[in-house]
Amino acid sequence: QVQLVESGGGLVQPGGSLRLSCAASGIIARINVMGWYRQAPGKERELVADITPGGTTNLADSVKGRFTISRDNAKHTVSLQMNSLKPEDTAVYYCRAPDIWGGSAYWGRGTQVTVSS
């Protein structure tokens, strides 16, 4: 099994920045791609960004140019730098890592990001 623990959420004003981090532990060999999803009230969970061990990134159109995803393979962490935040970025942000052996994907418990003046 793999455990994912997020940190770094909070309240920020529009135009501000936050950095989220996710640390993986357990059987690290079961994961490869790591990423961030978010779920706003009344909406479906959506992909924000993900990254391969080699550093190839995939970002949602809504966050391109504002968010950056990175990872430290040695520390088994993935981070999401969020700049120029907008009220519509308000959501619970979840760290996710698919199981490369075909099991269910692993999810963190989520961290709340609120963008409001």
N, C-alpha and C. Protein backbone atom coordinates (compact mmCIF):
# COMPACT_ATOMS: atom_id res chain seq x y z
N GLN A 1 0.83 -1.19 0.00
CA GLN A 1 0.00 0.00 0.00
C GLN A 1 0.87 1.25 0.00
N VAL A 2 0.24 2.34 -0.42
CA VAL A 2 0.91 3.63 -0.47
C VAL A 2 0.06 4.64 0.28
N GLN A 3 0.70 5.46 1.06
CA GLN A 3 0.01 6.55 1.75
C GLN A 3 0.48 7.88 1.17
N LEU A 4 -0.49 8.76 0.95
CA LEU A 4 -0.21 10.10 0.43
C LEU A 4 -0.73 11.12 1.43
N VAL A 5 0.12 12.05 1.81
CA VAL A 5 -0.26 13.07 2.79
C VAL A 5 0.02 14.44 2.21
N GLU A 6 -1.04 15.25 2.12
CA GLU A 6 -0.91 16.60 1.57
C GLU A 6 -0.68 17.62 2.69
N SER A 7 -0.10 18.73 2.31
CA SER A 7 0.06 19.86 3.22
C SER A 7 0.12 21.14 2.40
N GLY A 8 -0.14 22.27 3.07
CA GLY A 8 0.07 23.56 2.42
C GLY A 8 -1.16 24.32 2.01
N GLY A 9 -2.34 23.80 2.24
CA GLY A 9 -3.54 24.54 1.89
C GLY A 9 -3.76 25.72 2.82
N GLY A 10 -4.81 26.49 2.51
CA GLY A 10 -5.14 27.62 3.36
C GLY A 10 -5.99 28.64 2.65
N LEU A 11 -6.08 29.81 3.28
CA LEU A 11 -6.85 30.93 2.75
C LEU A 11 -5.90 31.94 2.15
N VAL A 12 -6.20 32.38 0.94
CA VAL A 12 -5.36 33.37 0.26
C VAL A 12 -6.23 34.32 -0.52
N GLN A 13 -5.77 35.55 -0.67
CA GLN A 13 -6.51 36.53 -1.44
C GLN A 13 -6.33 36.30 -2.94
N PRO A 14 -7.28 36.75 -3.73
CA PRO A 14 -7.11 36.64 -5.19
C PRO A 14 -5.80 37.29 -5.63
N GLY A 15 -5.12 36.61 -6.53
CA GLY A 15 -3.82 37.07 -6.99
C GLY A 15 -2.66 36.55 -6.17
N GLY A 16 -2.96 35.90 -5.06
CA GLY A 16 -1.91 35.38 -4.19
C GLY A 16 -1.39 34.03 -4.64
N SER A 17 -0.51 33.49 -3.81
CA SER A 17 0.14 32.21 -4.13
C SER A 17 0.07 31.25 -2.94
N LEU A 18 0.07 29.99 -3.27
CA LEU A 18 0.17 28.92 -2.28
C LEU A 18 0.99 27.79 -2.89
N ARG A 19 1.61 27.04 -2.02
CA ARG A 19 2.37 25.87 -2.47
C ARG A 19 1.85 24.66 -1.71
N LEU A 20 1.40 23.66 -2.46
CA LEU A 20 0.95 22.41 -1.88
C LEU A 20 2.05 21.36 -2.02
N SER A 21 2.14 20.50 -1.02
CA SER A 21 3.09 19.40 -1.08
C SER A 21 2.40 18.10 -0.74
N CYS A 22 2.89 17.03 -1.31
CA CYS A 22 2.35 15.70 -1.04
C CYS A 22 3.53 14.75 -0.86
N ALA A 23 3.50 14.03 0.25
CA ALA A 23 4.56 13.07 0.54
C ALA A 23 4.01 11.66 0.45
N ALA A 24 4.70 10.81 -0.28
CA ALA A 24 4.30 9.41 -0.42
C ALA A 24 5.15 8.54 0.48
N SER A 25 4.52 7.53 1.05
CA SER A 25 5.24 6.56 1.86
C SER A 25 4.61 5.19 1.64
N GLY A 26 5.30 4.17 2.10
CA GLY A 26 4.81 2.81 1.91
C GLY A 26 5.55 2.13 0.77
N ILE A 27 4.82 1.38 -0.05
CA ILE A 27 5.44 0.62 -1.14
C ILE A 27 5.54 1.55 -2.36
N ILE A 28 6.57 2.34 -2.37
CA ILE A 28 6.74 3.37 -3.40
C ILE A 28 6.83 2.75 -4.79
N ALA A 29 7.29 1.55 -4.88
CA ALA A 29 7.43 0.89 -6.19
C ALA A 29 6.09 0.72 -6.90
N ARG A 30 5.00 0.89 -6.18
CA ARG A 30 3.68 0.71 -6.79
C ARG A 30 3.20 1.97 -7.53
N ILE A 31 3.92 3.07 -7.40
CA ILE A 31 3.45 4.28 -8.04
C ILE A 31 4.48 4.83 -9.01
N ASN A 32 4.01 5.63 -9.93
CA ASN A 32 4.84 6.18 -11.01
C ASN A 32 4.45 7.64 -11.19
N VAL A 33 3.39 7.87 -11.93
CA VAL A 33 2.87 9.23 -12.09
C VAL A 33 2.26 9.68 -10.77
N MET A 34 2.49 10.94 -10.43
CA MET A 34 1.85 11.55 -9.27
C MET A 34 1.17 12.83 -9.73
N GLY A 35 0.07 13.16 -9.08
CA GLY A 35 -0.63 14.35 -9.55
C GLY A 35 -1.55 14.95 -8.52
N TRP A 36 -2.19 16.01 -8.94
CA TRP A 36 -3.14 16.74 -8.10
C TRP A 36 -4.48 16.84 -8.79
N TYR A 37 -5.50 16.58 -8.02
CA TYR A 37 -6.88 16.78 -8.46
C TYR A 37 -7.53 17.78 -7.51
N ARG A 38 -8.66 18.32 -7.92
CA ARG A 38 -9.39 19.21 -7.03
C ARG A 38 -10.89 19.01 -7.21
N GLN A 39 -11.59 19.32 -6.15
CA GLN A 39 -13.04 19.22 -6.19
C GLN A 39 -13.65 20.42 -5.48
N ALA A 40 -14.38 21.21 -6.25
CA ALA A 40 -15.08 22.36 -5.71
C ALA A 40 -16.48 21.93 -5.29
N PRO A 41 -17.11 22.66 -4.40
CA PRO A 41 -18.47 22.30 -3.95
C PRO A 41 -19.43 22.19 -5.12
N GLY A 42 -20.14 21.08 -5.18
CA GLY A 42 -21.12 20.87 -6.23
C GLY A 42 -20.56 20.50 -7.57
N LYS A 43 -19.26 20.28 -7.65
CA LYS A 43 -18.63 19.94 -8.92
C LYS A 43 -17.91 18.60 -8.82
N GLU A 44 -17.63 18.02 -9.98
CA GLU A 44 -16.90 16.76 -10.00
C GLU A 44 -15.40 17.01 -9.76
N ARG A 45 -14.75 15.98 -9.27
CA ARG A 45 -13.31 16.06 -9.09
C ARG A 45 -12.65 16.12 -10.46
N GLU A 46 -11.65 17.00 -10.58
CA GLU A 46 -10.99 17.19 -11.87
C GLU A 46 -9.48 17.19 -11.72
N LEU A 47 -8.82 16.78 -12.79
CA LEU A 47 -7.36 16.80 -12.82
C LEU A 47 -6.87 18.24 -12.87
N VAL A 48 -5.89 18.54 -12.03
CA VAL A 48 -5.22 19.83 -12.08
C VAL A 48 -3.89 19.69 -12.82
N ALA A 49 -3.09 18.72 -12.39
CA ALA A 49 -1.79 18.52 -13.01
C ALA A 49 -1.22 17.19 -12.58
N ASP A 50 -0.42 16.59 -13.44
CA ASP A 50 0.33 15.41 -13.02
C ASP A 50 1.71 15.43 -13.65
N ILE A 51 2.57 14.54 -13.14
CA ILE A 51 3.97 14.57 -13.54
C ILE A 51 4.53 13.16 -13.47
N THR A 52 5.32 12.79 -14.48
CA THR A 52 5.97 11.48 -14.50
C THR A 52 7.28 11.55 -13.73
N PRO A 53 7.87 10.40 -13.41
CA PRO A 53 9.17 10.42 -12.73
C PRO A 53 10.23 11.14 -13.55
N GLY A 54 10.09 11.15 -14.86
CA GLY A 54 11.05 11.82 -15.72
C GLY A 54 10.82 13.31 -15.84
N GLY A 55 9.72 13.80 -15.25
CA GLY A 55 9.46 15.24 -15.25
C GLY A 55 8.51 15.73 -16.32
N THR A 56 7.91 14.83 -17.07
CA THR A 56 6.92 15.26 -18.06
C THR A 56 5.64 15.66 -17.33
N THR A 57 5.16 16.85 -17.63
CA THR A 57 4.01 17.38 -16.92
C THR A 57 2.78 17.50 -17.83
N ASN A 58 1.65 17.48 -17.17
CA ASN A 58 0.36 17.64 -17.84
C ASN A 58 -0.48 18.54 -16.95
N LEU A 59 -0.89 19.70 -17.48
CA LEU A 59 -1.66 20.64 -16.68
C LEU A 59 -3.00 20.92 -17.35
N ALA A 60 -4.02 21.10 -16.53
CA ALA A 60 -5.32 21.50 -17.05
C ALA A 60 -5.21 22.88 -17.69
N ASP A 61 -5.99 23.10 -18.72
CA ASP A 61 -5.95 24.39 -19.42
C ASP A 61 -6.24 25.54 -18.46
N SER A 62 -7.09 25.31 -17.49
CA SER A 62 -7.50 26.38 -16.58
C SER A 62 -6.38 26.87 -15.67
N VAL A 63 -5.32 26.09 -15.55
CA VAL A 63 -4.23 26.48 -14.64
C VAL A 63 -2.91 26.72 -15.36
N LYS A 64 -2.87 26.47 -16.65
CA LYS A 64 -1.62 26.68 -17.40
C LYS A 64 -1.19 28.13 -17.29
N GLY A 65 0.11 28.31 -17.07
CA GLY A 65 0.65 29.66 -16.92
C GLY A 65 0.56 30.19 -15.51
N ARG A 66 -0.18 29.50 -14.64
CA ARG A 66 -0.32 29.95 -13.25
C ARG A 66 0.21 28.92 -12.26
N PHE A 67 0.00 27.65 -12.54
CA PHE A 67 0.41 26.57 -11.65
C PHE A 67 1.60 25.83 -12.23
N THR A 68 2.44 25.36 -11.34
CA THR A 68 3.59 24.54 -11.74
C THR A 68 3.65 23.31 -10.85
N ILE A 69 3.81 22.15 -11.47
CA ILE A 69 3.96 20.91 -10.70
C ILE A 69 5.39 20.45 -10.79
N SER A 70 5.89 19.93 -9.68
CA SER A 70 7.25 19.41 -9.64
C SER A 70 7.31 18.22 -8.69
N ARG A 71 8.39 17.48 -8.76
CA ARG A 71 8.52 16.33 -7.86
C ARG A 71 9.98 16.12 -7.50
N ASP A 72 10.15 15.48 -6.37
CA ASP A 72 11.48 15.08 -5.90
C ASP A 72 11.43 13.57 -5.76
N ASN A 73 12.01 12.87 -6.72
CA ASN A 73 11.92 11.41 -6.71
C ASN A 73 12.64 10.79 -5.51
N ALA A 74 13.70 11.42 -5.08
CA ALA A 74 14.46 10.88 -3.94
C ALA A 74 13.66 10.97 -2.65
N LYS A 75 12.85 12.02 -2.54
CA LYS A 75 12.07 12.21 -1.32
C LYS A 75 10.63 11.73 -1.47
N HIS A 76 10.30 11.28 -2.69
CA HIS A 76 8.93 10.78 -2.95
C HIS A 76 7.88 11.85 -2.68
N THR A 77 8.15 13.04 -3.14
CA THR A 77 7.21 14.14 -2.94
C THR A 77 6.83 14.77 -4.28
N VAL A 78 5.66 15.36 -4.29
CA VAL A 78 5.21 16.13 -5.44
C VAL A 78 4.64 17.44 -4.91
N SER A 79 4.93 18.53 -5.60
CA SER A 79 4.49 19.84 -5.14
C SER A 79 3.71 20.54 -6.24
N LEU A 80 2.84 21.43 -5.81
CA LEU A 80 2.06 22.24 -6.74
C LEU A 80 2.20 23.70 -6.32
N GLN A 81 2.91 24.47 -7.12
CA GLN A 81 3.05 25.89 -6.88
C GLN A 81 1.92 26.60 -7.61
N MET A 82 1.10 27.31 -6.84
CA MET A 82 -0.07 27.96 -7.41
C MET A 82 0.09 29.48 -7.29
N ASN A 83 0.17 30.14 -8.42
CA ASN A 83 0.30 31.58 -8.46
C ASN A 83 -0.93 32.21 -9.12
N SER A 84 -1.09 33.50 -8.92
CA SER A 84 -2.21 34.24 -9.53
C SER A 84 -3.53 33.53 -9.26
N LEU A 85 -3.73 33.15 -8.02
CA LEU A 85 -4.92 32.39 -7.67
C LEU A 85 -6.19 33.19 -7.87
N LYS A 86 -7.23 32.48 -8.27
CA LYS A 86 -8.54 33.07 -8.54
C LYS A 86 -9.59 32.44 -7.62
N PRO A 87 -10.68 33.12 -7.37
CA PRO A 87 -11.73 32.52 -6.54
C PRO A 87 -12.19 31.17 -7.07
N GLU A 88 -12.18 31.00 -8.37
CA GLU A 88 -12.61 29.72 -8.95
C GLU A 88 -11.61 28.58 -8.72
N ASP A 89 -10.45 28.89 -8.15
CA ASP A 89 -9.51 27.84 -7.76
C ASP A 89 -9.86 27.25 -6.40
N THR A 90 -10.83 27.84 -5.72
CA THR A 90 -11.24 27.34 -4.42
C THR A 90 -11.76 25.91 -4.54
N ALA A 91 -11.18 25.02 -3.76
CA ALA A 91 -11.54 23.60 -3.83
C ALA A 91 -10.74 22.83 -2.78
N VAL A 92 -11.11 21.59 -2.61
CA VAL A 92 -10.25 20.67 -1.87
C VAL A 92 -9.30 20.04 -2.89
N TYR A 93 -8.04 20.11 -2.61
CA TYR A 93 -7.01 19.58 -3.51
C TYR A 93 -6.51 18.24 -2.97
N TYR A 94 -6.50 17.27 -3.87
CA TYR A 94 -6.11 15.91 -3.51
C TYR A 94 -4.88 15.48 -4.28
N CYS A 95 -4.00 14.82 -3.60
CA CYS A 95 -2.86 14.17 -4.24
C CYS A 95 -3.30 12.78 -4.68
N ARG A 96 -2.87 12.38 -5.84
CA ARG A 96 -3.26 11.07 -6.39
C ARG A 96 -2.09 10.40 -7.08
N ALA A 97 -2.04 9.08 -6.95
CA ALA A 97 -1.02 8.30 -7.66
C ALA A 97 -1.64 6.97 -8.09
N PRO A 98 -1.70 6.70 -9.38
CA PRO A 98 -2.22 5.42 -9.84
C PRO A 98 -1.32 4.27 -9.39
N ASP A 99 -1.91 3.12 -9.18
CA ASP A 99 -1.16 1.92 -8.83
C ASP A 99 -0.70 1.25 -10.13
N ILE A 100 0.59 1.16 -10.35
CA ILE A 100 1.07 0.60 -11.63
C ILE A 100 0.86 -0.90 -11.72
N TRP A 101 0.52 -1.54 -10.63
CA TRP A 101 0.24 -2.98 -10.65
C TRP A 101 -1.24 -3.27 -10.88
N GLY A 102 -2.02 -2.23 -11.20
CA GLY A 102 -3.41 -2.43 -11.58
C GLY A 102 -4.43 -2.30 -10.47
N GLY A 103 -3.98 -2.00 -9.27
CA GLY A 103 -4.92 -1.80 -8.18
C GLY A 103 -5.56 -0.42 -8.25
N SER A 104 -6.37 -0.12 -7.27
CA SER A 104 -7.01 1.19 -7.21
C SER A 104 -5.97 2.28 -7.01
N ALA A 105 -6.25 3.45 -7.55
CA ALA A 105 -5.34 4.58 -7.36
C ALA A 105 -5.33 4.98 -5.89
N TYR A 106 -4.22 5.55 -5.49
CA TYR A 106 -4.07 6.03 -4.12
C TYR A 106 -4.42 7.52 -4.07
N TRP A 107 -5.10 7.89 -3.01
CA TRP A 107 -5.50 9.28 -2.82
C TRP A 107 -5.09 9.77 -1.45
N GLY A 108 -4.73 11.04 -1.37
CA GLY A 108 -4.56 11.66 -0.07
C GLY A 108 -5.91 12.07 0.48
N ARG A 109 -5.91 12.62 1.68
CA ARG A 109 -7.17 13.00 2.31
C ARG A 109 -7.65 14.37 1.86
N GLY A 110 -6.77 15.11 1.22
CA GLY A 110 -7.16 16.41 0.69
C GLY A 110 -6.77 17.57 1.58
N THR A 111 -6.58 18.72 0.96
CA THR A 111 -6.28 19.95 1.69
C THR A 111 -7.10 21.08 1.07
N GLN A 112 -7.69 21.88 1.93
CA GLN A 112 -8.59 22.94 1.46
C GLN A 112 -7.79 24.16 1.00
N VAL A 113 -8.15 24.65 -0.18
CA VAL A 113 -7.61 25.91 -0.70
C VAL A 113 -8.79 26.84 -0.91
N THR A 114 -8.74 27.99 -0.26
CA THR A 114 -9.81 28.97 -0.39
C THR A 114 -9.21 30.29 -0.88
N VAL A 115 -9.74 30.78 -1.99
CA VAL A 115 -9.27 32.04 -2.55
C VAL A 115 -10.40 33.05 -2.41
N SER A 116 -10.19 34.00 -1.53
CA SER A 116 -11.25 34.96 -1.22
C SER A 116 -10.66 36.22 -0.62
N SER A 117 -11.32 37.32 -0.91
CA SER A 117 -10.89 38.58 -0.31
C SER A 117 -11.66 38.85 0.98
